[in-house]
Amino acid sequence: MKFEEEADLPEICPDPLPVIVEVLKKYTSYDDVAENLPDIQLIQKKGMLMI
């Protein structure tokens, strides 16, 4: 299932971003983590998604 707000990123990040690790360490419940995870800005250019 694919949602309109989902996107495949053009690169693979082998290590988690530090900001994600901080959220996972700080919050213990699923709801708290979900509410505090940052979102990324995606820019659509010529059929490709850019961060």
C-alpha atoms as a PDB file:
ATOM      1  CA  MET A   1       0.000   0.000   0.000  1.00  0.00           C
ATOM      2  CA  LYS A   2       1.389   3.418  -0.915  1.00  0.00           C
ATOM      3  CA  PHE A   3       0.136   6.749   0.400  1.00  0.00           C
ATOM      4  CA  GLU A   4       0.299  10.054  -1.468  1.00  0.00           C
ATOM      5  CA  GLU A   5       2.545  11.589   1.204  1.00  0.00           C
ATOM      6  CA  GLU A   6       5.099   8.744   0.958  1.00  0.00           C
ATOM      7  CA  ALA A   7       8.193   9.004  -1.206  1.00  0.00           C
ATOM      8  CA  ASP A   8      11.269   6.984  -2.048  1.00  0.00           C
ATOM      9  CA  LEU A   9      14.431   8.915  -1.269  1.00  0.00           C
ATOM     10  CA  PRO A  10      17.156   9.141  -3.919  1.00  0.00           C
ATOM     11  CA  GLU A  11      19.898   7.927  -1.609  1.00  0.00           C
ATOM     12  CA  ILE A  12      20.446   5.236   1.006  1.00  0.00           C
ATOM     13  CA  CYS A  13      21.454   6.359   4.493  1.00  0.00           C
ATOM     14  CA  PRO A  14      23.286   3.427   6.120  1.00  0.00           C
ATOM     15  CA  ASP A  15      23.391   5.086   9.539  1.00  0.00           C
ATOM     16  CA  PRO A  16      20.439   6.618  11.375  1.00  0.00           C
ATOM     17  CA  LEU A  17      20.365  10.387  11.519  1.00  0.00           C
ATOM     18  CA  PRO A  18      21.414  11.750  14.929  1.00  0.00           C
ATOM     19  CA  VAL A  19      18.119  13.607  15.313  1.00  0.00           C
ATOM     20  CA  ILE A  20      16.236  10.297  14.956  1.00  0.00           C
ATOM     21  CA  VAL A  21      18.453   8.581  17.529  1.00  0.00           C
ATOM     22  CA  GLU A  22      17.809  11.456  19.968  1.00  0.00           C
ATOM     23  CA  VAL A  23      14.031  11.061  19.636  1.00  0.00           C
ATOM     24  CA  LEU A  24      14.241   7.289  20.109  1.00  0.00           C
ATOM     25  CA  LYS A  25      16.344   7.716  23.253  1.00  0.00           C
ATOM     26  CA  LYS A  26      14.193  10.492  24.723  1.00  0.00           C
ATOM     27  CA  TYR A  27      10.701   9.019  24.276  1.00  0.00           C
ATOM     28  CA  THR A  28       9.562   5.574  25.362  1.00  0.00           C
ATOM     29  CA  SER A  29       6.040   5.282  23.999  1.00  0.00           C
ATOM     30  CA  TYR A  30       5.071   4.766  20.372  1.00  0.00           C
ATOM     31  CA  ASP A  31       2.769   7.792  20.437  1.00  0.00           C
ATOM     32  CA  ASP A  32       5.465  10.106  21.835  1.00  0.00           C
ATOM     33  CA  VAL A  33       7.991   8.953  19.249  1.00  0.00           C
ATOM     34  CA  ALA A  34       5.467   9.330  16.410  1.00  0.00           C
ATOM     35  CA  GLU A  35       4.581  12.858  17.532  1.00  0.00           C
ATOM     36  CA  ASN A  36       8.210  13.964  17.812  1.00  0.00           C
ATOM     37  CA  LEU A  37       9.914  12.437  14.794  1.00  0.00           C
ATOM     38  CA  PRO A  38      11.006  15.161  12.389  1.00  0.00           C
ATOM     39  CA  ASP A  39       9.735  15.219   8.846  1.00  0.00           C
ATOM     40  CA  ILE A  40      11.831  16.076   5.821  1.00  0.00           C
ATOM     41  CA  GLN A  41      11.157  18.624   3.137  1.00  0.00           C
ATOM     42  CA  LEU A  42      10.871  16.955  -0.248  1.00  0.00           C
ATOM     43  CA  ILE A  43      11.266  18.934  -3.444  1.00  0.00           C
ATOM     44  CA  GLN A  44       9.946  17.460  -6.673  1.00  0.00           C
ATOM     45  CA  LYS A  45      12.248  18.214  -9.627  1.00  0.00           C
ATOM     46  CA  LYS A  46      11.878  16.656 -13.070  1.00  0.00           C
ATOM     47  CA  GLY A  47      10.336  13.456 -11.738  1.00  0.00           C
ATOM     48  CA  MET A  48      12.922  13.013  -8.950  1.00  0.00           C
ATOM     49  CA  LEU A  49      12.527  13.666  -5.263  1.00  0.00           C
ATOM     50  CA  MET A  50      15.242  15.698  -3.573  1.00  0.00           C
ATOM     51  CA  ILE A  51      15.875  16.257   0.117  1.00  0.00           C
END
